[in-house]
Amino acid sequence: MQMRPEVQLAAMIKAMTDVVVPALPQTNKLALEQAQLVVGMLNLMQAQLPVQFRFDRDELRRLVETAERLGAVSTSDGGTAVAIEQVDGPRSRAADVLVRCQATPEELRVAILEMRAALCALVDASAASEDAGARGQIETMLLAMSKEQLLRDRALMKPQRWEPDPAAVPDIDTLIRD
């Protein structure tokens, strides 16, 4: 059910270029210009999306390194000295975040795909097994996990307005709290 952003962007670009832009009257220069602006921004998003996380991580790394170097600056000005000291708390928290975000989004996606494949292989193996007790436990656990995942998938897509009763589906932020 998940519709990844790269698929959504490609669909929007195709709809804009194949349907919306050609349907606009050629005399409406402002509408044509704005439609082309939308297509351009969608193309830019499509290009930036795969590198955005690494871009942000790179910026954070450079900010932390600069803050570490700034901590060694000696000054006779009291206000500047206090401001340098106050950089240390955010620098420390940022360094911790940087350590925790070493995995890339692609590594996360691949790990998810590998886990899905391994669990599918387990389902196949247990279906062929004569151990009904283990098969029942595996089925119960996997169905419970699938139910939770489906709820999250639905919550993630809730803004698309496909849900007949949106109030029955919690907000995604509530479901994925750390």
N, C-alpha and C. Protein backbone atom coordinates (compact mmCIF):
# COMPACT_ATOMS: atom_id res chain seq x y z
N MET A 1 0.81 -1.20 0.00
CA MET A 1 0.00 0.00 0.00
C MET A 1 0.86 1.26 0.00
N GLN A 2 2.11 1.12 0.42
CA GLN A 2 2.97 2.30 0.50
C GLN A 2 3.22 2.87 -0.89
N MET A 3 3.07 4.18 -0.98
CA MET A 3 3.38 4.86 -2.22
C MET A 3 4.58 5.75 -1.92
N ARG A 4 5.75 5.30 -2.33
CA ARG A 4 6.99 6.01 -2.03
C ARG A 4 7.02 7.36 -2.73
N PRO A 5 7.68 8.35 -2.13
CA PRO A 5 7.74 9.69 -2.72
C PRO A 5 8.26 9.71 -4.16
N GLU A 6 9.22 8.85 -4.47
CA GLU A 6 9.75 8.87 -5.84
C GLU A 6 8.68 8.45 -6.85
N VAL A 7 7.79 7.55 -6.46
CA VAL A 7 6.69 7.14 -7.34
C VAL A 7 5.66 8.27 -7.44
N GLN A 8 5.36 8.90 -6.32
CA GLN A 8 4.41 10.00 -6.31
C GLN A 8 4.91 11.16 -7.18
N LEU A 9 6.17 11.50 -7.05
CA LEU A 9 6.72 12.60 -7.85
C LEU A 9 6.66 12.29 -9.33
N ALA A 10 7.04 11.06 -9.70
CA ALA A 10 7.00 10.68 -11.12
C ALA A 10 5.57 10.78 -11.66
N ALA A 11 4.59 10.35 -10.86
CA ALA A 11 3.18 10.41 -11.29
C ALA A 11 2.72 11.85 -11.46
N MET A 12 3.13 12.73 -10.53
CA MET A 12 2.73 14.13 -10.63
C MET A 12 3.36 14.81 -11.84
N ILE A 13 4.63 14.52 -12.08
CA ILE A 13 5.32 15.12 -13.23
C ILE A 13 4.65 14.66 -14.52
N LYS A 14 4.34 13.38 -14.61
CA LYS A 14 3.69 12.84 -15.81
C LYS A 14 2.31 13.47 -16.00
N ALA A 15 1.53 13.58 -14.94
CA ALA A 15 0.20 14.18 -15.04
C ALA A 15 0.29 15.64 -15.49
N MET A 16 1.22 16.36 -14.91
CA MET A 16 1.37 17.77 -15.28
C MET A 16 1.80 17.92 -16.74
N THR A 17 2.81 17.14 -17.16
CA THR A 17 3.35 17.32 -18.52
C THR A 17 2.46 16.71 -19.59
N ASP A 18 1.78 15.60 -19.28
CA ASP A 18 0.96 14.91 -20.30
C ASP A 18 -0.48 15.40 -20.36
N VAL A 19 -1.00 15.93 -19.24
CA VAL A 19 -2.43 16.27 -19.20
C VAL A 19 -2.67 17.76 -18.90
N VAL A 20 -2.13 18.23 -17.79
CA VAL A 20 -2.47 19.58 -17.32
C VAL A 20 -1.89 20.66 -18.25
N VAL A 21 -0.59 20.63 -18.48
CA VAL A 21 0.03 21.68 -19.30
C VAL A 21 -0.57 21.71 -20.71
N PRO A 22 -0.72 20.56 -21.40
CA PRO A 22 -1.33 20.63 -22.74
C PRO A 22 -2.78 21.12 -22.74
N ALA A 23 -3.48 20.97 -21.62
CA ALA A 23 -4.88 21.41 -21.56
C ALA A 23 -5.02 22.90 -21.32
N LEU A 24 -3.96 23.56 -20.91
CA LEU A 24 -4.04 24.99 -20.65
C LEU A 24 -4.10 25.77 -21.96
N PRO A 25 -4.91 26.81 -22.00
CA PRO A 25 -4.97 27.64 -23.21
C PRO A 25 -3.61 28.31 -23.45
N GLN A 26 -3.13 28.25 -24.65
CA GLN A 26 -1.83 28.85 -24.99
C GLN A 26 -1.84 30.37 -24.79
N THR A 27 -3.02 30.94 -24.72
CA THR A 27 -3.12 32.39 -24.51
C THR A 27 -2.94 32.77 -23.04
N ASN A 28 -3.07 31.80 -22.14
CA ASN A 28 -2.94 32.08 -20.71
C ASN A 28 -1.48 31.88 -20.30
N LYS A 29 -0.68 32.89 -20.60
CA LYS A 29 0.77 32.81 -20.37
C LYS A 29 1.11 32.61 -18.88
N LEU A 30 0.37 33.26 -18.00
CA LEU A 30 0.65 33.14 -16.57
C LEU A 30 0.40 31.70 -16.09
N ALA A 31 -0.72 31.12 -16.51
CA ALA A 31 -1.02 29.74 -16.13
C ALA A 31 0.02 28.77 -16.67
N LEU A 32 0.42 28.99 -17.92
CA LEU A 32 1.46 28.13 -18.52
C LEU A 32 2.78 28.27 -17.76
N GLU A 33 3.12 29.50 -17.45
CA GLU A 33 4.37 29.74 -16.71
C GLU A 33 4.33 29.07 -15.35
N GLN A 34 3.22 29.21 -14.63
CA GLN A 34 3.11 28.62 -13.29
C GLN A 34 3.09 27.09 -13.36
N ALA A 35 2.45 26.54 -14.38
CA ALA A 35 2.43 25.08 -14.54
C ALA A 35 3.85 24.57 -14.79
N GLN A 36 4.60 25.30 -15.63
CA GLN A 36 5.98 24.91 -15.89
C GLN A 36 6.84 25.05 -14.63
N LEU A 37 6.54 26.06 -13.82
CA LEU A 37 7.24 26.23 -12.55
C LEU A 37 6.98 25.02 -11.65
N VAL A 38 5.74 24.57 -11.59
CA VAL A 38 5.39 23.39 -10.78
C VAL A 38 6.15 22.17 -11.29
N VAL A 39 6.16 21.96 -12.59
CA VAL A 39 6.88 20.82 -13.18
C VAL A 39 8.37 20.93 -12.83
N GLY A 40 8.92 22.11 -12.96
CA GLY A 40 10.33 22.31 -12.64
C GLY A 40 10.65 22.02 -11.19
N MET A 41 9.78 22.47 -10.29
CA MET A 41 9.99 22.21 -8.86
C MET A 41 9.85 20.72 -8.55
N LEU A 42 8.91 20.06 -9.19
CA LEU A 42 8.76 18.62 -8.98
C LEU A 42 9.99 17.86 -9.49
N ASN A 43 10.52 18.29 -10.64
CA ASN A 43 11.75 17.68 -11.15
C ASN A 43 12.92 17.91 -10.20
N LEU A 44 12.99 19.11 -9.65
CA LEU A 44 14.05 19.43 -8.69
C LEU A 44 13.91 18.55 -7.44
N MET A 45 12.70 18.42 -6.92
CA MET A 45 12.46 17.56 -5.76
C MET A 45 12.86 16.13 -6.06
N GLN A 46 12.53 15.66 -7.27
CA GLN A 46 12.86 14.30 -7.67
C GLN A 46 14.37 14.09 -7.68
N ALA A 47 15.11 15.09 -8.10
CA ALA A 47 16.57 15.00 -8.12
C ALA A 47 17.17 15.12 -6.72
N GLN A 48 16.57 15.95 -5.87
CA GLN A 48 17.13 16.20 -4.54
C GLN A 48 16.77 15.11 -3.53
N LEU A 49 15.64 14.50 -3.68
CA LEU A 49 15.16 13.54 -2.69
C LEU A 49 16.18 12.44 -2.38
N PRO A 50 16.81 11.83 -3.37
CA PRO A 50 17.75 10.76 -3.04
C PRO A 50 19.00 11.21 -2.27
N VAL A 51 19.34 12.49 -2.33
CA VAL A 51 20.55 12.95 -1.65
C VAL A 51 20.26 13.84 -0.44
N GLN A 52 19.01 14.15 -0.16
CA GLN A 52 18.69 15.11 0.89
C GLN A 52 19.22 14.68 2.26
N PHE A 53 19.06 13.42 2.62
CA PHE A 53 19.52 12.94 3.93
C PHE A 53 21.04 13.08 4.04
N ARG A 54 21.75 12.66 3.00
CA ARG A 54 23.22 12.78 3.03
C ARG A 54 23.64 14.24 3.06
N PHE A 55 22.90 15.08 2.33
CA PHE A 55 23.16 16.52 2.33
C PHE A 55 23.04 17.08 3.75
N ASP A 56 21.93 16.74 4.43
CA ASP A 56 21.71 17.22 5.79
C ASP A 56 22.76 16.67 6.75
N ARG A 57 23.10 15.40 6.59
CA ARG A 57 24.11 14.78 7.46
C ARG A 57 25.47 15.45 7.25
N ASP A 58 25.80 15.75 6.00
CA ASP A 58 27.06 16.43 5.69
C ASP A 58 27.09 17.81 6.33
N GLU A 59 25.99 18.56 6.24
CA GLU A 59 25.94 19.89 6.86
C GLU A 59 26.12 19.78 8.37
N LEU A 60 25.43 18.82 8.99
CA LEU A 60 25.52 18.66 10.44
C LEU A 60 26.96 18.31 10.84
N ARG A 61 27.62 17.44 10.07
CA ARG A 61 29.01 17.08 10.36
C ARG A 61 29.91 18.32 10.34
N ARG A 62 29.74 19.15 9.31
CA ARG A 62 30.56 20.35 9.20
C ARG A 62 30.25 21.35 10.31
N LEU A 63 28.99 21.46 10.70
CA LEU A 63 28.63 22.36 11.81
C LEU A 63 29.27 21.89 13.11
N VAL A 64 29.24 20.58 13.36
CA VAL A 64 29.84 20.03 14.59
C VAL A 64 31.35 20.25 14.58
N GLU A 65 32.00 19.99 13.44
CA GLU A 65 33.45 20.19 13.34
C GLU A 65 33.81 21.65 13.57
N THR A 66 33.04 22.56 13.00
CA THR A 66 33.30 23.99 13.18
C THR A 66 33.09 24.39 14.64
N ALA A 67 32.03 23.87 15.25
CA ALA A 67 31.76 24.18 16.67
C ALA A 67 32.89 23.68 17.55
N GLU A 68 33.46 22.51 17.22
CA GLU A 68 34.59 21.99 18.00
C GLU A 68 35.79 22.92 17.88
N ARG A 69 36.07 23.39 16.67
CA ARG A 69 37.18 24.32 16.47
C ARG A 69 36.93 25.66 17.17
N LEU A 70 35.68 26.12 17.12
CA LEU A 70 35.33 27.40 17.76
C LEU A 70 35.49 27.32 19.28
N GLY A 71 35.32 26.14 19.84
CA GLY A 71 35.49 25.97 21.29
C GLY A 71 36.89 26.28 21.75
N ALA A 72 37.86 26.24 20.85
CA ALA A 72 39.25 26.52 21.21
C ALA A 72 39.61 28.00 21.09
N VAL A 73 38.67 28.82 20.60
CA VAL A 73 38.94 30.25 20.45
C VAL A 73 39.00 30.89 21.83
N SER A 74 40.05 31.66 22.07
CA SER A 74 40.13 32.37 23.34
C SER A 74 39.82 33.85 23.08
N THR A 75 39.07 34.41 23.99
CA THR A 75 38.65 35.80 23.81
C THR A 75 38.63 36.51 25.15
N SER A 76 38.88 37.81 25.13
CA SER A 76 38.82 38.61 26.36
C SER A 76 37.43 39.21 26.55
N ASP A 77 36.58 39.07 25.51
CA ASP A 77 35.23 39.63 25.59
C ASP A 77 34.32 38.64 26.31
N GLY A 78 33.70 39.09 27.38
CA GLY A 78 32.84 38.22 28.18
C GLY A 78 31.65 37.68 27.43
N GLY A 79 31.00 38.52 26.62
CA GLY A 79 29.83 38.08 25.87
C GLY A 79 30.18 37.03 24.84
N THR A 80 31.30 37.22 24.16
CA THR A 80 31.73 36.25 23.17
C THR A 80 32.12 34.94 23.85
N ALA A 81 32.79 35.04 25.01
CA ALA A 81 33.19 33.84 25.74
C ALA A 81 31.96 33.02 26.16
N VAL A 82 30.94 33.71 26.65
CA VAL A 82 29.71 33.02 27.05
C VAL A 82 29.04 32.37 25.84
N ALA A 83 29.00 33.10 24.73
CA ALA A 83 28.38 32.56 23.51
C ALA A 83 29.13 31.32 23.01
N ILE A 84 30.47 31.35 23.10
CA ILE A 84 31.27 30.17 22.70
C ILE A 84 30.93 29.00 23.60
N GLU A 85 30.83 29.23 24.90
CA GLU A 85 30.48 28.16 25.85
C GLU A 85 29.08 27.61 25.55
N GLN A 86 28.17 28.48 25.15
CA GLN A 86 26.79 28.04 24.89
C GLN A 86 26.66 27.22 23.62
N VAL A 87 27.68 27.22 22.79
CA VAL A 87 27.69 26.39 21.58
C VAL A 87 27.91 24.93 21.96
N ASP A 88 28.56 24.68 23.10
CA ASP A 88 28.95 23.33 23.47
C ASP A 88 27.77 22.38 23.66
N GLY A 89 26.68 22.82 24.28
CA GLY A 89 25.51 21.95 24.48
C GLY A 89 24.90 21.49 23.16
N PRO A 90 24.54 22.44 22.28
CA PRO A 90 24.02 22.03 20.97
C PRO A 90 25.02 21.20 20.17
N ARG A 91 26.33 21.51 20.27
CA ARG A 91 27.34 20.74 19.56
C ARG A 91 27.35 19.30 20.04
N SER A 92 27.28 19.12 21.35
CA SER A 92 27.29 17.77 21.93
C SER A 92 26.06 16.97 21.47
N ARG A 93 24.88 17.59 21.50
CA ARG A 93 23.66 16.91 21.05
C ARG A 93 23.73 16.61 19.56
N ALA A 94 24.26 17.56 18.78
CA ALA A 94 24.37 17.34 17.34
C ALA A 94 25.36 16.22 17.03
N ALA A 95 26.46 16.15 17.77
CA ALA A 95 27.44 15.08 17.56
C ALA A 95 26.80 13.72 17.85
N ASP A 96 25.95 13.66 18.86
CA ASP A 96 25.24 12.42 19.18
C ASP A 96 24.29 12.03 18.05
N VAL A 97 23.58 13.01 17.52
CA VAL A 97 22.67 12.75 16.39
C VAL A 97 23.47 12.24 15.19
N LEU A 98 24.59 12.86 14.93
CA LEU A 98 25.43 12.48 13.80
C LEU A 98 25.90 11.02 13.93
N VAL A 99 26.28 10.62 15.12
CA VAL A 99 26.70 9.24 15.35
C VAL A 99 25.53 8.28 15.10
N ARG A 100 24.33 8.68 15.54
CA ARG A 100 23.17 7.80 15.40
C ARG A 100 22.61 7.74 13.99
N CYS A 101 22.99 8.65 13.10
CA CYS A 101 22.42 8.64 11.75
C CYS A 101 23.43 8.21 10.69
N GLN A 102 24.26 7.24 11.02
CA GLN A 102 25.26 6.78 10.07
C GLN A 102 24.67 5.93 8.96
N ALA A 103 23.61 5.18 9.24
CA ALA A 103 22.97 4.39 8.18
C ALA A 103 22.27 5.33 7.21
N THR A 104 22.32 4.99 5.94
CA THR A 104 21.67 5.82 4.93
C THR A 104 20.23 5.36 4.74
N PRO A 105 19.38 6.20 4.16
CA PRO A 105 18.01 5.77 3.86
C PRO A 105 17.99 4.53 2.95
N GLU A 106 18.95 4.44 2.04
CA GLU A 106 19.01 3.28 1.15
C GLU A 106 19.33 2.01 1.94
N GLU A 107 20.24 2.11 2.91
CA GLU A 107 20.54 0.95 3.76
C GLU A 107 19.30 0.53 4.55
N LEU A 108 18.55 1.49 5.04
CA LEU A 108 17.32 1.20 5.75
C LEU A 108 16.31 0.51 4.84
N ARG A 109 16.16 1.03 3.62
CA ARG A 109 15.23 0.43 2.66
C ARG A 109 15.64 -1.00 2.32
N VAL A 110 16.93 -1.23 2.10
CA VAL A 110 17.42 -2.57 1.78
C VAL A 110 17.21 -3.52 2.97
N ALA A 111 17.47 -3.04 4.18
CA ALA A 111 17.25 -3.87 5.37
C ALA A 111 15.77 -4.28 5.49
N ILE A 112 14.88 -3.35 5.19
CA ILE A 112 13.45 -3.66 5.22
C ILE A 112 13.11 -4.72 4.18
N LEU A 113 13.63 -4.55 2.96
CA LEU A 113 13.37 -5.53 1.90
C LEU A 113 13.93 -6.91 2.26
N GLU A 114 15.13 -6.95 2.85
CA GLU A 114 15.72 -8.22 3.26
C GLU A 114 14.88 -8.88 4.34
N MET A 115 14.40 -8.08 5.30
CA MET A 115 13.55 -8.64 6.37
C MET A 115 12.24 -9.18 5.80
N ARG A 116 11.64 -8.44 4.88
CA ARG A 116 10.41 -8.92 4.26
C ARG A 116 10.65 -10.25 3.55
N ALA A 117 11.75 -10.35 2.80
CA ALA A 117 12.06 -11.58 2.07
C ALA A 117 12.31 -12.74 3.03
N ALA A 118 13.03 -12.48 4.11
CA ALA A 118 13.31 -13.54 5.09
C ALA A 118 12.03 -14.01 5.76
N LEU A 119 11.13 -13.09 6.08
CA LEU A 119 9.87 -13.48 6.72
C LEU A 119 8.98 -14.23 5.73
N CYS A 120 9.01 -13.86 4.47
CA CYS A 120 8.25 -14.60 3.45
C CYS A 120 8.79 -16.03 3.34
N ALA A 121 10.11 -16.18 3.36
CA ALA A 121 10.71 -17.52 3.31
C ALA A 121 10.31 -18.33 4.54
N LEU A 122 10.23 -17.69 5.69
CA LEU A 122 9.79 -18.37 6.91
C LEU A 122 8.35 -18.84 6.77
N VAL A 123 7.50 -18.01 6.20
CA VAL A 123 6.09 -18.39 5.98
C VAL A 123 6.04 -19.63 5.08
N ASP A 124 6.81 -19.60 4.00
CA ASP A 124 6.84 -20.75 3.09
C ASP A 124 7.31 -22.02 3.80
N ALA A 125 8.37 -21.88 4.59
CA ALA A 125 8.91 -23.04 5.30
C ALA A 125 7.93 -23.57 6.33
N SER A 126 7.31 -22.68 7.07
CA SER A 126 6.37 -23.14 8.11
C SER A 126 5.11 -23.73 7.50
N ALA A 127 4.71 -23.24 6.33
CA ALA A 127 3.52 -23.79 5.66
C ALA A 127 3.76 -25.24 5.24
N ALA A 128 5.01 -25.56 4.93
CA ALA A 128 5.36 -26.93 4.52
C ALA A 128 5.67 -27.82 5.71
N SER A 129 5.75 -27.24 6.88
CA SER A 129 6.12 -27.98 8.09
C SER A 129 4.92 -28.72 8.69
N GLU A 130 5.23 -29.77 9.37
CA GLU A 130 4.19 -30.52 10.09
C GLU A 130 4.05 -30.04 11.53
N ASP A 131 4.87 -29.07 11.95
CA ASP A 131 4.82 -28.56 13.32
C ASP A 131 3.74 -27.48 13.40
N ALA A 132 2.53 -27.93 13.70
CA ALA A 132 1.39 -27.02 13.73
C ALA A 132 1.52 -25.97 14.82
N GLY A 133 2.14 -26.31 15.93
CA GLY A 133 2.32 -25.35 17.02
C GLY A 133 3.19 -24.18 16.60
N ALA A 134 4.33 -24.49 15.99
CA ALA A 134 5.23 -23.42 15.51
C ALA A 134 4.55 -22.62 14.41
N ARG A 135 3.88 -23.33 13.50
CA ARG A 135 3.19 -22.65 12.39
C ARG A 135 2.16 -21.66 12.94
N GLY A 136 1.42 -22.07 13.96
CA GLY A 136 0.41 -21.19 14.56
C GLY A 136 1.03 -19.97 15.22
N GLN A 137 2.15 -20.16 15.92
CA GLN A 137 2.82 -19.03 16.57
C GLN A 137 3.37 -18.05 15.52
N ILE A 138 3.97 -18.62 14.48
CA ILE A 138 4.52 -17.77 13.41
C ILE A 138 3.40 -16.99 12.74
N GLU A 139 2.32 -17.66 12.45
CA GLU A 139 1.17 -17.00 11.81
C GLU A 139 0.63 -15.88 12.68
N THR A 140 0.45 -16.14 13.97
CA THR A 140 -0.09 -15.15 14.90
C THR A 140 0.82 -13.92 14.98
N MET A 141 2.12 -14.16 15.10
CA MET A 141 3.06 -13.04 15.21
C MET A 141 3.13 -12.22 13.93
N LEU A 142 3.16 -12.90 12.80
CA LEU A 142 3.26 -12.17 11.53
C LEU A 142 1.97 -11.43 11.19
N LEU A 143 0.83 -12.01 11.52
CA LEU A 143 -0.43 -11.30 11.27
C LEU A 143 -0.55 -10.07 12.17
N ALA A 144 -0.09 -10.18 13.41
CA ALA A 144 -0.13 -9.02 14.32
C ALA A 144 0.77 -7.91 13.79
N MET A 145 1.98 -8.28 13.33
CA MET A 145 2.90 -7.28 12.78
C MET A 145 2.30 -6.66 11.51
N SER A 146 1.70 -7.49 10.66
CA SER A 146 1.10 -6.99 9.42
C SER A 146 -0.05 -6.04 9.71
N LYS A 147 -0.84 -6.36 10.72
CA LYS A 147 -1.96 -5.48 11.09
C LYS A 147 -1.44 -4.11 11.52
N GLU A 148 -0.38 -4.10 12.32
CA GLU A 148 0.22 -2.83 12.75
C GLU A 148 0.80 -2.07 11.57
N GLN A 149 1.45 -2.78 10.65
CA GLN A 149 2.04 -2.12 9.49
C GLN A 149 0.97 -1.55 8.58
N LEU A 150 -0.10 -2.30 8.37
CA LEU A 150 -1.19 -1.81 7.52
C LEU A 150 -1.79 -0.54 8.10
N LEU A 151 -1.93 -0.49 9.42
CA LEU A 151 -2.45 0.72 10.05
C LEU A 151 -1.52 1.91 9.78
N ARG A 152 -0.22 1.67 9.86
CA ARG A 152 0.74 2.74 9.59
C ARG A 152 0.72 3.15 8.12
N ASP A 153 0.59 2.17 7.23
CA ASP A 153 0.48 2.48 5.80
C ASP A 153 -0.74 3.36 5.54
N ARG A 154 -1.86 2.99 6.14
CA ARG A 154 -3.09 3.76 5.96
C ARG A 154 -2.94 5.16 6.53
N ALA A 155 -2.30 5.27 7.71
CA ALA A 155 -2.10 6.58 8.34
C ALA A 155 -1.19 7.46 7.49
N LEU A 156 -0.17 6.85 6.91
CA LEU A 156 0.76 7.61 6.06
C LEU A 156 0.04 8.15 4.82
N MET A 157 -0.92 7.40 4.31
CA MET A 157 -1.65 7.81 3.11
C MET A 157 -2.93 8.59 3.42
N LYS A 158 -3.23 8.78 4.70
CA LYS A 158 -4.46 9.47 5.09
C LYS A 158 -4.65 10.82 4.41
N PRO A 159 -3.59 11.61 4.22
CA PRO A 159 -3.78 12.90 3.53
C PRO A 159 -4.26 12.75 2.09
N GLN A 160 -4.13 11.56 1.50
CA GLN A 160 -4.62 11.34 0.14
C GLN A 160 -6.15 11.27 0.09
N ARG A 161 -6.78 11.15 1.25
CA ARG A 161 -8.24 11.12 1.39
C ARG A 161 -8.88 9.88 0.77
N TRP A 162 -8.22 8.74 0.90
CA TRP A 162 -8.78 7.49 0.41
C TRP A 162 -9.58 6.77 1.51
N GLU A 163 -9.37 7.17 2.75
CA GLU A 163 -10.03 6.50 3.87
C GLU A 163 -11.50 6.91 3.94
N PRO A 164 -12.41 5.92 4.02
CA PRO A 164 -13.83 6.27 4.14
C PRO A 164 -14.15 6.97 5.47
N ASP A 165 -13.38 6.62 6.54
CA ASP A 165 -13.57 7.25 7.85
C ASP A 165 -12.20 7.65 8.39
N PRO A 166 -11.68 8.80 7.96
CA PRO A 166 -10.34 9.21 8.37
C PRO A 166 -10.16 9.29 9.89
N ALA A 167 -11.22 9.63 10.60
CA ALA A 167 -11.11 9.73 12.06
C ALA A 167 -10.81 8.38 12.71
N ALA A 168 -11.10 7.30 12.01
CA ALA A 168 -10.85 5.96 12.56
C ALA A 168 -9.38 5.56 12.45
N VAL A 169 -8.62 6.31 11.68
CA VAL A 169 -7.20 6.00 11.49
C VAL A 169 -6.39 7.06 12.23
N PRO A 170 -5.54 6.62 13.18
CA PRO A 170 -4.73 7.60 13.93
C PRO A 170 -3.77 8.34 12.99
N ASP A 171 -3.31 9.49 13.43
CA ASP A 171 -2.30 10.23 12.68
C ASP A 171 -0.99 9.46 12.71
N ILE A 172 -0.22 9.56 11.64
CA ILE A 172 1.03 8.81 11.53
C ILE A 172 2.00 9.20 12.64
N ASP A 173 2.05 10.46 13.04
CA ASP A 173 2.96 10.88 14.09
C ASP A 173 2.70 10.14 15.40
N THR A 174 1.44 9.86 15.68
CA THR A 174 1.07 9.13 16.89
C THR A 174 1.58 7.69 16.83
N LEU A 175 1.54 7.11 15.65
CA LEU A 175 1.90 5.70 15.50
C LEU A 175 3.41 5.44 15.46
N ILE A 176 4.18 6.39 14.98
CA ILE A 176 5.62 6.13 14.80
C ILE A 176 6.49 6.90 15.79
N ARG A 177 5.94 7.27 16.91
CA ARG A 177 6.75 7.95 17.93
C ARG A 177 7.91 7.05 18.32
N ASP A 178 9.06 7.67 18.52
CA ASP A 178 10.23 6.89 18.96
C ASP A 178 10.12 6.57 20.44
